[in-house]
Amino acid sequence: MEKNHFALGKENFILLAVSILIIIVGFILMSGAKTTEESGFNPEIFDTRRIVVAPVVTLMGFIMVIYAIIKKPKK
């Protein structure tokens, strides 16, 4: 029997899973309270966590996805 050959190796799939978890964490960091007519203006929408930290974390996750796909698997 011939062994199945995948384009990505085990290490690539692990990196891919970790990077997807980092992207999910980034989106969770972006979430929070919203401004509505009933509650009035909520200044937390301009918090540093939501406009700086979360997009950077999400971007790093997407960069890791690209790296996980491009990385050559070990033989």
PDB file of N, CA and C in Angstrom:
ATOM      1  N   MET A   1       0.839  -1.191   0.000  1.00  0.00           N
ATOM      2  CA  MET A   1       0.000   0.000   0.000  1.00  0.00           C
ATOM      3  C   MET A   1       0.876   1.243   0.000  1.00  0.00           C
ATOM      4  N   GLU A   2       0.410   2.209  -0.712  1.00  0.00           N
ATOM      5  CA  GLU A   2       1.144   3.461  -0.799  1.00  0.00           C
ATOM      6  C   GLU A   2       0.657   4.422   0.284  1.00  0.00           C
ATOM      7  N   LYS A   3       1.589   5.086   0.936  1.00  0.00           N
ATOM      8  CA  LYS A   3       1.260   6.034   1.996  1.00  0.00           C
ATOM      9  C   LYS A   3       0.694   7.309   1.376  1.00  0.00           C
ATOM     10  N   ASN A   4      -0.373   7.825   1.978  1.00  0.00           N
ATOM     11  CA  ASN A   4      -0.954   9.083   1.490  1.00  0.00           C
ATOM     12  C   ASN A   4      -0.003  10.233   1.766  1.00  0.00           C
ATOM     13  N   HIS A   5       0.168  11.091   0.800  1.00  0.00           N
ATOM     14  CA  HIS A   5       1.034  12.248   0.960  1.00  0.00           C
ATOM     15  C   HIS A   5       0.174  13.508   0.979  1.00  0.00           C
ATOM     16  N   PHE A   6       0.251  14.223   2.089  1.00  0.00           N
ATOM     17  CA  PHE A   6      -0.488  15.467   2.228  1.00  0.00           C
ATOM     18  C   PHE A   6       0.426  16.636   1.889  1.00  0.00           C
ATOM     19  N   ALA A   7      -0.169  17.730   1.461  1.00  0.00           N
ATOM     20  CA  ALA A   7       0.618  18.913   1.124  1.00  0.00           C
ATOM     21  C   ALA A   7       1.207  19.544   2.386  1.00  0.00           C
ATOM     22  N   LEU A   8       0.521  19.407   3.500  1.00  0.00           N
ATOM     23  CA  LEU A   8       0.987  19.973   4.764  1.00  0.00           C
ATOM     24  C   LEU A   8       1.298  18.845   5.739  1.00  0.00           C
ATOM     25  N   GLY A   9       2.310  19.071   6.572  1.00  0.00           N
ATOM     26  CA  GLY A   9       2.690  18.084   7.571  1.00  0.00           C
ATOM     27  C   GLY A   9       1.996  18.324   8.898  1.00  0.00           C
ATOM     28  N   LYS A  10       2.317  17.496   9.869  1.00  0.00           N
ATOM     29  CA  LYS A  10       1.702  17.589  11.198  1.00  0.00           C
ATOM     30  C   LYS A  10       2.028  18.932  11.851  1.00  0.00           C
ATOM     31  N   GLU A  11       3.274  19.373  11.723  1.00  0.00           N
ATOM     32  CA  GLU A  11       3.690  20.643  12.315  1.00  0.00           C
ATOM     33  C   GLU A  11       2.932  21.815  11.680  1.00  0.00           C
ATOM     34  N   ASN A  12       2.665  21.734  10.386  1.00  0.00           N
ATOM     35  CA  ASN A  12       1.914  22.781   9.705  1.00  0.00           C
ATOM     36  C   ASN A  12       0.487  22.874  10.250  1.00  0.00           C
ATOM     37  N   PHE A  13      -0.135  21.726  10.463  1.00  0.00           N
ATOM     38  CA  PHE A  13      -1.496  21.727  10.987  1.00  0.00           C
ATOM     39  C   PHE A  13      -1.542  22.262  12.413  1.00  0.00           C
ATOM     40  N   ILE A  14      -0.531  21.963  13.218  1.00  0.00           N
ATOM     41  CA  ILE A  14      -0.478  22.486  14.585  1.00  0.00           C
ATOM     42  C   ILE A  14      -0.322  24.004  14.556  1.00  0.00           C
ATOM     43  N   LEU A  15       0.584  24.504  13.707  1.00  0.00           N
ATOM     44  CA  LEU A  15       0.754  25.954  13.571  1.00  0.00           C
ATOM     45  C   LEU A  15      -0.530  26.617  13.074  1.00  0.00           C
ATOM     46  N   LEU A  16      -1.217  25.966  12.170  1.00  0.00           N
ATOM     47  CA  LEU A  16      -2.462  26.498  11.641  1.00  0.00           C
ATOM     48  C   LEU A  16      -3.524  26.583  12.733  1.00  0.00           C
ATOM     49  N   ALA A  17      -3.625  25.566  13.557  1.00  0.00           N
ATOM     50  CA  ALA A  17      -4.605  25.566  14.649  1.00  0.00           C
ATOM     51  C   ALA A  17      -4.287  26.643  15.672  1.00  0.00           C
ATOM     52  N   VAL A  18      -3.018  26.796  16.011  1.00  0.00           N
ATOM     53  CA  VAL A  18      -2.617  27.833  16.974  1.00  0.00           C
ATOM     54  C   VAL A  18      -2.906  29.221  16.416  1.00  0.00           C
ATOM     55  N   SER A  19      -2.630  29.421  15.138  1.00  0.00           N
ATOM     56  CA  SER A  19      -2.861  30.742  14.555  1.00  0.00           C
ATOM     57  C   SER A  19      -4.352  31.059  14.468  1.00  0.00           C
ATOM     58  N   ILE A  20      -5.185  30.061  14.226  1.00  0.00           N
ATOM     59  CA  ILE A  20      -6.631  30.295  14.220  1.00  0.00           C
ATOM     60  C   ILE A  20      -7.121  30.655  15.613  1.00  0.00           C
ATOM     61  N   LEU A  21      -6.563  30.018  16.635  1.00  0.00           N
ATOM     62  CA  LEU A  21      -6.916  30.379  18.018  1.00  0.00           C
ATOM     63  C   LEU A  21      -6.494  31.816  18.333  1.00  0.00           C
ATOM     64  N   ILE A  22      -5.339  32.249  17.832  1.00  0.00           N
ATOM     65  CA  ILE A  22      -4.887  33.627  18.050  1.00  0.00           C
ATOM     66  C   ILE A  22      -5.828  34.610  17.361  1.00  0.00           C
ATOM     67  N   ILE A  23      -6.304  34.270  16.165  1.00  0.00           N
ATOM     68  CA  ILE A  23      -7.265  35.127  15.470  1.00  0.00           C
ATOM     69  C   ILE A  23      -8.560  35.231  16.269  1.00  0.00           C
ATOM     70  N   ILE A  24      -9.027  34.122  16.806  1.00  0.00           N
ATOM     71  CA  ILE A  24     -10.249  34.131  17.615  1.00  0.00           C
ATOM     72  C   ILE A  24     -10.069  35.001  18.856  1.00  0.00           C
ATOM     73  N   VAL A  25      -8.895  34.903  19.506  1.00  0.00           N
ATOM     74  CA  VAL A  25      -8.612  35.747  20.675  1.00  0.00           C
ATOM     75  C   VAL A  25      -8.632  37.213  20.272  1.00  0.00           C
ATOM     76  N   GLY A  26      -8.076  37.548  19.112  1.00  0.00           N
ATOM     77  CA  GLY A  26      -8.087  38.923  18.631  1.00  0.00           C
ATOM     78  C   GLY A  26      -9.499  39.446  18.439  1.00  0.00           C
ATOM     79  N   PHE A  27     -10.372  38.629  17.867  1.00  0.00           N
ATOM     80  CA  PHE A  27     -11.759  39.061  17.684  1.00  0.00           C
ATOM     81  C   PHE A  27     -12.486  39.181  19.022  1.00  0.00           C
ATOM     82  N   ILE A  28     -12.173  38.318  19.968  1.00  0.00           N
ATOM     83  CA  ILE A  28     -12.777  38.433  21.303  1.00  0.00           C
ATOM     84  C   ILE A  28     -12.328  39.726  21.971  1.00  0.00           C
ATOM     85  N   LEU A  29     -11.042  40.081  21.802  1.00  0.00           N
ATOM     86  CA  LEU A  29     -10.554  41.337  22.364  1.00  0.00           C
ATOM     87  C   LEU A  29     -11.245  42.545  21.740  1.00  0.00           C
ATOM     88  N   MET A  30     -11.665  42.447  20.489  1.00  0.00           N
ATOM     89  CA  MET A  30     -12.366  43.552  19.829  1.00  0.00           C
ATOM     90  C   MET A  30     -13.784  43.730  20.324  1.00  0.00           C
ATOM     91  N   SER A  31     -14.375  42.689  20.860  1.00  0.00           N
ATOM     92  CA  SER A  31     -15.773  42.775  21.288  1.00  0.00           C
ATOM     93  C   SER A  31     -15.890  43.544  22.596  1.00  0.00           C
ATOM     94  N   GLY A  32     -17.085  43.974  22.885  1.00  0.00           N
ATOM     95  CA  GLY A  32     -17.330  44.702  24.122  1.00  0.00           C
ATOM     96  C   GLY A  32     -18.649  45.440  24.065  1.00  0.00           C
ATOM     97  N   ALA A  33     -18.836  46.317  25.012  1.00  0.00           N
ATOM     98  CA  ALA A  33     -20.079  47.078  25.085  1.00  0.00           C
ATOM     99  C   ALA A  33     -20.201  48.020  23.902  1.00  0.00           C
ATOM    100  N   LYS A  34     -21.424  48.258  23.479  1.00  0.00           N
ATOM    101  CA  LYS A  34     -21.653  49.157  22.351  1.00  0.00           C
ATOM    102  C   LYS A  34     -22.399  50.399  22.816  1.00  0.00           C
ATOM    103  N   THR A  35     -22.425  51.388  21.964  1.00  0.00           N
ATOM    104  CA  THR A  35     -23.153  52.616  22.245  1.00  0.00           C
ATOM    105  C   THR A  35     -24.557  52.482  21.675  1.00  0.00           C
ATOM    106  N   THR A  36     -25.562  52.743  22.516  1.00  0.00           N
ATOM    107  CA  THR A  36     -26.956  52.712  22.080  1.00  0.00           C
ATOM    108  C   THR A  36     -27.645  54.006  22.486  1.00  0.00           C
ATOM    109  N   GLU A  37     -28.826  54.240  21.935  1.00  0.00           N
ATOM    110  CA  GLU A  37     -29.565  55.450  22.290  1.00  0.00           C
ATOM    111  C   GLU A  37     -30.019  55.418  23.743  1.00  0.00           C
ATOM    112  N   GLU A  38     -30.368  54.238  24.227  1.00  0.00           N
ATOM    113  CA  GLU A  38     -30.877  54.121  25.595  1.00  0.00           C
ATOM    114  C   GLU A  38     -29.773  54.361  26.627  1.00  0.00           C
ATOM    115  N   SER A  39     -28.580  53.793  26.382  1.00  0.00           N
ATOM    116  CA  SER A  39     -27.512  53.894  27.386  1.00  0.00           C
ATOM    117  C   SER A  39     -26.635  55.123  27.183  1.00  0.00           C
ATOM    118  N   GLY A  40     -26.753  55.779  26.046  1.00  0.00           N
ATOM    119  CA  GLY A  40     -25.934  56.958  25.788  1.00  0.00           C
ATOM    120  C   GLY A  40     -24.566  56.582  25.253  1.00  0.00           C
ATOM    121  N   PHE A  41     -23.698  57.580  25.163  1.00  0.00           N
ATOM    122  CA  PHE A  41     -22.361  57.374  24.607  1.00  0.00           C
ATOM    123  C   PHE A  41     -21.520  56.531  25.549  1.00  0.00           C
ATOM    124  N   ASN A  42     -20.830  55.548  24.989  1.00  0.00           N
ATOM    125  CA  ASN A  42     -19.962  54.675  25.768  1.00  0.00           C
ATOM    126  C   ASN A  42     -18.523  54.910  25.302  1.00  0.00           C
ATOM    127  N   PRO A  43     -17.681  55.550  26.129  1.00  0.00           N
ATOM    128  CA  PRO A  43     -16.308  55.834  25.701  1.00  0.00           C
ATOM    129  C   PRO A  43     -15.419  54.595  25.580  1.00  0.00           C
ATOM    130  N   GLU A  44     -15.888  53.437  26.037  1.00  0.00           N
ATOM    131  CA  GLU A  44     -15.094  52.207  25.938  1.00  0.00           C
ATOM    132  C   GLU A  44     -14.904  51.757  24.491  1.00  0.00           C
ATOM    133  N   ILE A  45     -15.683  52.298  23.553  1.00  0.00           N
ATOM    134  CA  ILE A  45     -15.519  51.881  22.157  1.00  0.00           C
ATOM    135  C   ILE A  45     -14.199  52.384  21.591  1.00  0.00           C
ATOM    136  N   PHE A  46     -13.584  53.383  22.230  1.00  0.00           N
ATOM    137  CA  PHE A  46     -12.293  53.899  21.787  1.00  0.00           C
ATOM    138  C   PHE A  46     -11.161  53.470  22.710  1.00  0.00           C
ATOM    139  N   ASP A  47     -11.360  52.385  23.428  1.00  0.00           N
ATOM    140  CA  ASP A  47     -10.349  51.862  24.338  1.00  0.00           C
ATOM    141  C   ASP A  47      -9.146  51.337  23.543  1.00  0.00           C
ATOM    142  N   THR A  48      -7.946  51.450  24.117  1.00  0.00           N
ATOM    143  CA  THR A  48      -6.714  51.007  23.457  1.00  0.00           C
ATOM    144  C   THR A  48      -6.759  49.517  23.125  1.00  0.00           C
ATOM    145  N   ARG A  49      -7.364  48.754  23.987  1.00  0.00           N
ATOM    146  CA  ARG A  49      -7.471  47.304  23.745  1.00  0.00           C
ATOM    147  C   ARG A  49      -8.238  47.022  22.464  1.00  0.00           C
ATOM    148  N   ARG A  50      -9.272  47.797  22.195  1.00  0.00           N
ATOM    149  CA  ARG A  50     -10.129  47.541  21.044  1.00  0.00           C
ATOM    150  C   ARG A  50      -9.608  48.117  19.739  1.00  0.00           C
ATOM    151  N   ILE A  51      -8.861  49.215  19.802  1.00  0.00           N
ATOM    152  CA  ILE A  51      -8.438  49.836  18.543  1.00  0.00           C
ATOM    153  C   ILE A  51      -6.964  49.638  18.224  1.00  0.00           C
ATOM    154  N   VAL A  52      -6.182  49.118  19.178  1.00  0.00           N
ATOM    155  CA  VAL A  52      -4.753  48.897  18.910  1.00  0.00           C
ATOM    156  C   VAL A  52      -4.373  47.435  19.143  1.00  0.00           C
ATOM    157  N   VAL A  53      -4.602  46.938  20.331  1.00  0.00           N
ATOM    158  CA  VAL A  53      -4.125  45.603  20.718  1.00  0.00           C
ATOM    159  C   VAL A  53      -4.832  44.505  19.913  1.00  0.00           C
ATOM    160  N   ALA A  54      -6.148  44.550  19.855  1.00  0.00           N
ATOM    161  CA  ALA A  54      -6.900  43.501  19.170  1.00  0.00           C
ATOM    162  C   ALA A  54      -6.576  43.401  17.677  1.00  0.00           C
ATOM    163  N   PRO A  55      -6.516  44.512  16.932  1.00  0.00           N
ATOM    164  CA  PRO A  55      -6.140  44.368  15.519  1.00  0.00           C
ATOM    165  C   PRO A  55      -4.717  43.841  15.317  1.00  0.00           C
ATOM    166  N   VAL A  56      -3.793  44.215  16.194  1.00  0.00           N
ATOM    167  CA  VAL A  56      -2.419  43.709  16.077  1.00  0.00           C
ATOM    168  C   VAL A  56      -2.384  42.206  16.336  1.00  0.00           C
ATOM    169  N   VAL A  57      -3.104  41.753  17.348  1.00  0.00           N
ATOM    170  CA  VAL A  57      -3.162  40.314  17.651  1.00  0.00           C
ATOM    171  C   VAL A  57      -3.786  39.557  16.476  1.00  0.00           C
ATOM    172  N   THR A  58      -4.869  40.098  15.922  1.00  0.00           N
ATOM    173  CA  THR A  58      -5.526  39.455  14.785  1.00  0.00           C
ATOM    174  C   THR A  58      -4.604  39.411  13.573  1.00  0.00           C
ATOM    175  N   LEU A  59      -3.900  40.495  13.299  1.00  0.00           N
ATOM    176  CA  LEU A  59      -2.968  40.537  12.178  1.00  0.00           C
ATOM    177  C   LEU A  59      -1.851  39.519  12.355  1.00  0.00           C
ATOM    178  N   MET A  60      -1.328  39.391  13.564  1.00  0.00           N
ATOM    179  CA  MET A  60      -0.296  38.382  13.832  1.00  0.00           C
ATOM    180  C   MET A  60      -0.835  36.975  13.584  1.00  0.00           C
ATOM    181  N   GLY A  61      -2.086  36.737  13.924  1.00  0.00           N
ATOM    182  CA  GLY A  61      -2.702  35.441  13.656  1.00  0.00           C
ATOM    183  C   GLY A  61      -2.779  35.148  12.169  1.00  0.00           C
ATOM    184  N   PHE A  62      -3.161  36.160  11.376  1.00  0.00           N
ATOM    185  CA  PHE A  62      -3.231  35.962   9.925  1.00  0.00           C
ATOM    186  C   PHE A  62      -1.840  35.749   9.326  1.00  0.00           C
ATOM    187  N   ILE A  63      -0.849  36.438   9.844  1.00  0.00           N
ATOM    188  CA  ILE A  63       0.528  36.243   9.372  1.00  0.00           C
ATOM    189  C   ILE A  63       0.992  34.823   9.702  1.00  0.00           C
ATOM    190  N   MET A  64       0.617  34.338  10.891  1.00  0.00           N
ATOM    191  CA  MET A  64       0.984  32.969  11.257  1.00  0.00           C
ATOM    192  C   MET A  64       0.293  31.934  10.370  1.00  0.00           C
ATOM    193  N   VAL A  65      -0.934  32.224   9.935  1.00  0.00           N
ATOM    194  CA  VAL A  65      -1.628  31.315   9.016  1.00  0.00           C
ATOM    195  C   VAL A  65      -0.850  31.213   7.708  1.00  0.00           C
ATOM    196  N   ILE A  66      -0.423  32.354   7.196  1.00  0.00           N
ATOM    197  CA  ILE A  66       0.358  32.354   5.958  1.00  0.00           C
ATOM    198  C   ILE A  66       1.656  31.566   6.145  1.00  0.00           C
ATOM    199  N   TYR A  67       2.334  31.785   7.279  1.00  0.00           N
ATOM    200  CA  TYR A  67       3.575  31.055   7.552  1.00  0.00           C
ATOM    201  C   TYR A  67       3.314  29.558   7.657  1.00  0.00           C
ATOM    202  N   ALA A  68       2.210  29.169   8.318  1.00  0.00           N
ATOM    203  CA  ALA A  68       1.898  27.741   8.481  1.00  0.00           C
ATOM    204  C   ALA A  68       1.644  27.076   7.133  1.00  0.00           C
ATOM    205  N   ILE A  69       1.085  27.820   6.191  1.00  0.00           N
ATOM    206  CA  ILE A  69       0.802  27.244   4.876  1.00  0.00           C
ATOM    207  C   ILE A  69       2.078  27.169   4.035  1.00  0.00           C
ATOM    208  N   ILE A  70       2.920  28.197   4.120  1.00  0.00           N
ATOM    209  CA  ILE A  70       4.112  28.264   3.281  1.00  0.00           C
ATOM    210  C   ILE A  70       5.237  27.358   3.780  1.00  0.00           C
ATOM    211  N   LYS A  71       5.339  27.143   5.094  1.00  0.00           N
ATOM    212  CA  LYS A  71       6.421  26.369   5.679  1.00  0.00           C
ATOM    213  C   LYS A  71       6.493  24.962   5.071  1.00  0.00           C
ATOM    214  N   LYS A  72       7.687  24.572   4.696  1.00  0.00           N
ATOM    215  CA  LYS A  72       7.876  23.240   4.119  1.00  0.00           C
ATOM    216  C   LYS A  72       7.778  22.178   5.218  1.00  0.00           C
ATOM    217  N   PRO A  73       6.991  21.128   4.989  1.00  0.00           N
ATOM    218  CA  PRO A  73       6.912  20.074   5.995  1.00  0.00           C
ATOM    219  C   PRO A  73       8.182  19.237   6.014  1.00  0.00           C
ATOM    220  N   LYS A  74       8.497  18.710   7.205  1.00  0.00           N
ATOM    221  CA  LYS A  74       9.659  17.831   7.325  1.00  0.00           C
ATOM    222  C   LYS A  74       9.335  16.492   6.707  1.00  0.00           C
ATOM    223  N   LYS A  75      10.339  15.862   6.150  1.00  0.00           N
ATOM    224  CA  LYS A  75      10.119  14.564   5.495  1.00  0.00           C
ATOM    225  C   LYS A  75      10.163  13.443   6.490  1.00  0.00           C
TER     226      LYS A  75
END
